[in-house]
Amino acid sequence: MHTLLPIDDDDYPALLRRLPDAPRALYMRGDAGCLWHPAIAIVGSRTATPNGFDNARGFARAFGRAGFCIISGMAAGIDTAAHRGALDVDAPTVAVLGTGIDTPYPRSNAGLMEEIAQRGAVVSEYPPGAVPHPGQFPARNRIVAGLTLGTVVVEAQQKSGALITARLAGDAGREVFAIPGSIHNPMARGCHRLIREGVQLVESPDEVIAALKPLLDAYAGDLRRRLHAPNSAIAAPQHDSSTMDAGNKRLWEALGHDPTPMDVLVDRTGLTSAQLVSMLLVMELEGRVVSQHGRYTRKAS
């Protein structure tokens, strides 16, 4: 099913709305809650080396296990590896297309697009039926950068879409990271250029996660405002539900001390998965809830 999210819709992602050239609307297939999930973009060359492909998939798995959504453009190479890494660990992933959300590009990723739509979200600023045109892909890169707290460039040539995404991310005030490579690998030259320009060199996913912690704390404020949740975690250490609003209280009471999947929480609370994702993220950031492999449980006092 196709969904249209105008910029003034409550489900339109707050991080993207901050861009001066944010799309006036997003066409979407999948779960709108993914667009509010703290996210990291992984981008790079369409003609990735085997090492680059493995790095992208490995970093995506680690970010997914740490609770992040993985954003990329569903292109061949690094993008494909990033989405696959997220799917490997049942983490949310969002594909931002330069075509309509019913037009896979490349066509060889048609199956991947359907899988992402079922387990994450596929989005585009272009209407269904839109076919690929060269200028649409650099334009979509601002959405990739705008949806995320940070962008990791795995491999890139000196002139590439990945470097455009990195520049746009920096312009938007987001963090940018680059993985170094061999001096003999032409696909590493773009990353080395970024590093010379001051982008943070990273060798492990943990370095990225640590660097994003301050931004993640600030992002919690957007989630609280969207949910009208209290801006204080005073009750968190005692896990007291008495100060929560009705929706959060229903969710808290539906959570047990055994890991509970999202579909069960939907049944128990009567809330939508998009509402629950946002509420759970706030509870995670406040130290109330632990998430692992798509299941949620109260954090032990």
Protein backbone atom coordinates (compact mmCIF):
# COMPACT_ATOMS: atom_id res chain seq x y z
CA MET A 1 0.00 0.00 0.00
CA HIS A 2 1.27 3.48 -0.90
CA THR A 3 1.18 6.30 1.66
CA LEU A 4 1.68 10.02 1.09
CA LEU A 5 3.27 11.96 3.96
CA PRO A 6 2.95 15.75 3.51
CA ILE A 7 5.53 17.83 5.34
CA ASP A 8 2.92 18.95 7.89
CA ASP A 9 1.87 15.37 8.71
CA ASP A 10 2.67 14.15 12.23
CA ASP A 11 4.45 11.11 10.78
CA TYR A 12 6.76 13.22 8.57
CA PRO A 13 10.24 12.71 10.08
CA ALA A 14 11.42 15.63 12.20
CA LEU A 15 15.08 15.36 11.18
CA LEU A 16 14.20 15.61 7.50
CA ARG A 17 11.84 18.54 8.12
CA ARG A 18 14.81 20.55 9.41
CA LEU A 19 16.36 20.71 5.93
CA PRO A 20 15.76 24.02 4.13
CA ASP A 21 14.97 22.06 0.97
CA ALA A 22 13.03 19.22 2.61
CA PRO A 23 10.62 17.46 0.23
CA ARG A 24 7.10 18.87 0.47
CA ALA A 25 5.87 15.28 0.69
CA LEU A 26 7.19 11.73 0.79
CA TYR A 27 5.68 8.74 -0.96
CA MET A 28 6.15 5.66 1.18
CA ARG A 29 5.64 1.92 1.32
CA GLY A 30 6.12 0.17 4.64
CA ASP A 31 6.27 1.29 8.26
CA ALA A 32 6.26 5.06 8.89
CA GLY A 33 7.73 4.38 12.33
CA CYS A 34 11.05 3.54 10.65
CA LEU A 35 11.35 7.16 9.53
CA TRP A 36 11.45 8.24 13.19
CA HIS A 37 13.92 5.58 14.25
CA PRO A 38 17.44 6.92 15.05
CA ALA A 39 19.27 6.19 11.82
CA ILE A 40 22.70 5.98 10.23
CA ALA A 41 23.29 6.22 6.49
CA ILE A 42 25.77 3.88 4.85
CA VAL A 43 26.78 4.91 1.34
CA GLY A 44 29.47 4.17 -1.19
CA SER A 45 30.44 2.92 -4.59
CA ARG A 46 28.16 0.97 -6.91
CA THR A 47 31.25 -1.00 -7.99
CA ALA A 48 32.34 -1.97 -4.50
CA THR A 49 35.28 -4.24 -3.83
CA PRO A 50 34.66 -7.46 -1.85
CA ASN A 51 36.23 -5.81 1.22
CA GLY A 52 34.01 -2.77 0.81
CA PHE A 53 30.90 -4.93 0.48
CA ASP A 54 31.86 -6.89 3.61
CA ASN A 55 32.60 -3.69 5.58
CA ALA A 56 29.25 -2.16 4.65
CA ARG A 57 27.33 -5.28 5.60
CA GLY A 58 29.29 -5.74 8.83
CA PHE A 59 28.87 -2.11 9.93
CA ALA A 60 25.14 -2.29 9.12
CA ARG A 61 24.73 -5.42 11.24
CA ALA A 62 26.52 -3.78 14.17
CA PHE A 63 24.45 -0.58 13.90
CA GLY A 64 21.27 -2.64 13.65
CA ARG A 65 22.13 -4.62 16.77
CA ALA A 66 22.79 -1.33 18.57
CA GLY A 67 19.25 -0.17 17.78
CA PHE A 68 19.79 2.02 14.73
CA CYS A 69 17.86 2.04 11.47
CA ILE A 70 20.03 1.76 8.35
CA ILE A 71 19.36 4.24 5.53
CA SER A 72 20.71 3.92 2.02
CA GLY A 73 19.72 4.38 -1.61
CA MET A 74 19.26 0.76 -2.73
CA ALA A 75 21.87 1.17 -5.47
CA ALA A 76 24.15 -1.69 -6.41
CA GLY A 77 27.27 -2.24 -4.34
CA ILE A 78 27.61 -0.58 -0.93
CA ASP A 79 23.94 0.43 -0.68
CA THR A 80 22.79 -3.12 -1.29
CA ALA A 81 25.26 -4.47 1.28
CA ALA A 82 24.02 -1.97 3.87
CA HIS A 83 20.37 -2.95 3.44
CA ARG A 84 21.29 -6.65 3.51
CA GLY A 85 23.26 -6.19 6.72
CA ALA A 86 20.26 -4.61 8.43
CA LEU A 87 17.94 -7.35 7.24
CA ASP A 88 20.43 -9.98 8.48
CA VAL A 89 19.80 -8.89 12.09
CA ASP A 90 16.10 -7.94 11.74
CA ALA A 91 16.93 -4.25 12.09
CA PRO A 92 14.80 -1.57 10.40
CA THR A 93 16.10 -0.26 7.09
CA VAL A 94 14.87 2.46 4.75
CA ALA A 95 15.58 2.65 1.01
CA VAL A 96 15.43 6.17 -0.42
CA LEU A 97 14.79 5.93 -4.15
CA GLY A 98 15.50 8.26 -7.03
CA THR A 99 12.50 6.73 -8.80
CA GLY A 100 8.90 6.06 -7.84
CA ILE A 101 8.40 3.65 -4.94
CA ASP A 102 7.01 1.09 -7.41
CA THR A 103 10.04 1.31 -9.74
CA PRO A 104 13.06 -0.66 -8.52
CA TYR A 105 16.42 0.67 -9.62
CA PRO A 106 18.49 -1.23 -10.47
CA ARG A 107 15.94 -3.79 -11.61
CA SER A 108 18.12 -6.54 -10.15
CA ASN A 109 17.14 -5.17 -6.69
CA ALA A 110 13.40 -5.68 -7.21
CA GLY A 111 13.35 -8.52 -4.69
CA LEU A 112 15.37 -6.50 -2.19
CA MET A 113 12.94 -3.59 -2.54
CA GLU A 114 9.98 -5.82 -1.73
CA GLU A 115 11.77 -7.22 1.30
CA ILE A 116 12.59 -3.73 2.56
CA ALA A 117 8.97 -2.63 2.04
CA GLN A 118 7.80 -5.60 4.14
CA ARG A 119 10.35 -5.19 6.94
CA GLY A 120 11.19 -1.48 6.82
CA ALA A 121 10.22 1.31 4.45
CA VAL A 122 10.76 2.44 0.86
CA VAL A 123 10.45 6.20 0.31
CA SER A 124 10.75 8.72 -2.50
CA GLU A 125 9.86 12.32 -3.24
CA TYR A 126 8.86 11.20 -6.75
CA PRO A 127 5.35 9.88 -7.45
CA PRO A 128 4.64 6.22 -8.24
CA GLY A 129 5.54 5.43 -11.81
CA ALA A 130 8.47 7.86 -11.94
CA VAL A 131 11.30 6.37 -13.99
CA PRO A 132 15.02 6.99 -13.42
CA HIS A 133 16.60 10.23 -14.63
CA PRO A 134 20.20 11.16 -13.80
CA GLY A 135 19.39 14.37 -11.89
CA GLN A 136 17.01 12.60 -9.52
CA PHE A 137 19.71 10.55 -7.82
CA PRO A 138 21.88 13.43 -6.53
CA ALA A 139 18.66 15.10 -5.34
CA ARG A 140 17.58 12.02 -3.39
CA ASN A 141 20.93 12.01 -1.59
CA ARG A 142 19.81 14.99 0.53
CA ILE A 143 16.96 12.81 1.83
CA VAL A 144 19.41 10.01 2.72
CA ALA A 145 21.52 12.54 4.64
CA GLY A 146 18.52 14.36 6.12
CA LEU A 147 16.89 11.28 7.64
CA THR A 148 19.98 10.33 9.62
CA LEU A 149 22.11 11.37 12.56
CA GLY A 150 25.27 10.49 10.66
CA THR A 151 26.59 9.16 7.35
CA VAL A 152 29.30 6.53 6.92
CA VAL A 153 31.14 6.47 3.59
CA VAL A 154 32.56 3.01 3.00
CA GLU A 155 34.11 3.30 -0.47
CA ALA A 156 33.91 6.15 -2.97
CA GLN A 157 35.66 7.43 -6.03
CA GLN A 158 36.94 11.01 -6.16
CA LYS A 159 33.73 12.11 -7.87
CA SER A 160 30.71 10.14 -6.71
CA GLY A 161 27.21 10.30 -5.32
CA ALA A 162 28.54 9.11 -1.97
CA LEU A 163 30.67 12.25 -1.65
CA ILE A 164 27.62 14.35 -2.51
CA THR A 165 25.72 12.64 0.31
CA ALA A 166 28.63 13.27 2.68
CA ARG A 167 28.72 16.97 1.78
CA LEU A 168 24.96 17.31 2.19
CA ALA A 169 25.13 15.57 5.57
CA GLY A 170 27.82 17.98 6.75
CA ASP A 171 25.84 20.96 5.46
CA ALA A 172 22.84 19.73 7.47
CA GLY A 173 24.88 19.57 10.67
CA ARG A 174 25.04 15.80 10.78
CA GLU A 175 28.13 13.72 11.51
CA VAL A 176 30.15 12.26 8.64
CA PHE A 177 32.56 9.32 8.89
CA ALA A 178 34.86 7.63 6.39
CA ILE A 179 36.45 4.19 6.42
CA PRO A 180 40.03 4.26 5.12
CA GLY A 181 41.26 1.78 2.54
CA SER A 182 44.33 0.69 0.64
CA ILE A 183 46.27 3.38 -1.22
CA HIS A 184 46.13 1.02 -4.20
CA ASN A 185 42.33 0.87 -4.21
CA PRO A 186 40.80 3.57 -6.44
CA MET A 187 37.51 3.11 -4.54
CA ALA A 188 39.22 4.36 -1.37
CA ARG A 189 40.34 7.70 -2.81
CA GLY A 190 37.07 9.45 -2.06
CA CYS A 191 37.23 8.34 1.58
CA HIS A 192 40.85 9.51 1.86
CA ARG A 193 39.84 12.88 0.40
CA LEU A 194 37.11 13.23 3.03
CA ILE A 195 39.56 12.35 5.80
CA ARG A 196 42.03 14.98 4.54
CA GLU A 197 39.17 17.50 4.64
CA GLY A 198 38.51 16.73 8.31
CA VAL A 199 35.91 13.97 8.24
CA GLN A 200 36.31 11.51 11.10
CA LEU A 201 38.27 8.37 10.23
CA VAL A 202 36.62 5.28 11.70
CA GLU A 203 37.75 1.68 11.87
CA SER A 204 34.89 0.16 13.85
CA PRO A 205 31.13 0.61 14.28
CA ASP A 206 31.64 1.38 17.98
CA GLU A 207 33.51 4.57 17.08
CA VAL A 208 30.52 5.78 15.06
CA ILE A 209 28.02 4.89 17.79
CA ALA A 210 30.05 6.72 20.45
CA ALA A 211 30.33 9.83 18.29
CA LEU A 212 26.57 9.91 17.69
CA LYS A 213 25.60 9.69 21.37
CA PRO A 214 25.19 13.49 21.87
CA LEU A 215 23.01 13.76 18.74
CA LEU A 216 20.97 10.77 19.86
CA ASP A 217 20.25 12.45 23.21
CA ALA A 218 19.07 15.61 21.42
CA TYR A 219 16.90 13.54 19.06
CA ALA A 220 14.99 12.20 22.05
CA GLY A 221 13.50 15.67 22.46
CA ASP A 222 11.84 15.45 19.03
CA LEU A 223 10.33 12.11 19.94
CA ARG A 224 8.99 13.42 23.25
CA ARG A 225 7.42 16.45 21.58
CA ARG A 226 5.78 14.25 18.95
CA LEU A 227 4.32 12.01 21.63
CA HIS A 228 3.64 14.80 24.16
CA ALA A 229 5.74 12.69 26.52
CA PRO A 230 7.27 14.23 29.68
CA ASN A 231 10.67 15.81 29.06
CA SER A 232 12.06 14.41 32.27
CA ALA A 233 13.34 10.98 33.13
CA ILE A 234 12.81 11.48 36.89
CA ALA A 235 10.49 8.49 37.08
CA ALA A 236 12.74 6.27 35.00
CA PRO A 237 14.89 4.73 37.75
CA GLN A 238 11.77 3.52 39.57
CA HIS A 239 9.99 2.59 36.29
CA ASP A 240 6.91 4.35 37.69
CA SER A 241 3.94 4.52 35.31
CA SER A 242 1.92 6.95 37.43
CA THR A 243 3.29 10.04 35.64
CA MET A 244 2.87 8.67 32.10
CA ASP A 245 0.11 9.67 29.69
CA ALA A 246 -2.51 7.06 28.80
CA GLY A 247 -0.74 5.67 25.73
CA ASN A 248 2.62 5.31 27.42
CA LYS A 249 0.98 3.76 30.47
CA ARG A 250 -0.78 1.18 28.28
CA LEU A 251 2.53 0.32 26.65
CA TRP A 252 4.37 0.10 29.97
CA GLU A 253 1.77 -2.26 31.38
CA ALA A 254 1.91 -4.37 28.19
CA LEU A 255 5.65 -4.85 28.56
CA GLY A 256 6.86 -7.71 30.70
CA HIS A 257 10.20 -8.96 31.87
CA ASP A 258 10.34 -11.41 28.98
CA PRO A 259 11.24 -10.10 25.48
CA THR A 260 8.03 -9.16 23.66
CA PRO A 261 7.75 -8.73 19.86
CA MET A 262 6.09 -5.72 18.26
CA ASP A 263 3.02 -7.59 16.97
CA VAL A 264 2.20 -8.75 20.50
CA LEU A 265 2.51 -5.19 21.82
CA VAL A 266 0.16 -3.98 19.08
CA ASP A 267 -2.40 -6.59 20.18
CA ARG A 268 -2.00 -5.81 23.87
CA THR A 269 -2.19 -2.00 23.58
CA GLY A 270 -4.41 -1.36 20.55
CA LEU A 271 -1.82 1.19 19.35
CA THR A 272 -0.24 1.22 15.90
CA SER A 273 3.30 0.01 15.30
CA ALA A 274 4.33 3.56 14.30
CA GLN A 275 3.09 4.93 17.64
CA LEU A 276 4.76 2.10 19.56
CA VAL A 277 8.11 2.52 17.81
CA SER A 278 8.32 6.16 18.86
CA MET A 279 7.21 5.46 22.44
CA LEU A 280 9.66 2.60 22.78
CA LEU A 281 12.51 4.74 21.47
CA VAL A 282 11.85 7.36 24.15
CA MET A 283 11.73 4.65 26.82
CA GLU A 284 15.00 3.19 25.53
CA LEU A 285 16.70 6.58 25.62
CA GLU A 286 15.43 7.15 29.17
CA GLY A 287 16.74 3.77 30.31
CA ARG A 288 13.33 2.18 30.86
CA VAL A 289 13.35 -0.40 28.06
CA VAL A 290 15.85 -2.74 26.42
CA SER A 291 15.54 -3.77 22.77
CA GLN A 292 17.14 -6.84 21.26
CA HIS A 293 16.39 -8.46 17.90
CA GLY A 294 13.08 -6.65 17.53
CA ARG A 295 11.82 -7.66 21.00
CA TYR A 296 11.31 -5.33 23.94
CA THR A 297 11.50 -5.80 27.68
CA ARG A 298 11.52 -3.64 30.78
CA LYS A 299 14.99 -2.82 31.95
CA ALA A 300 15.75 -4.31 35.34
CA SER A 301 15.80 -1.72 38.13
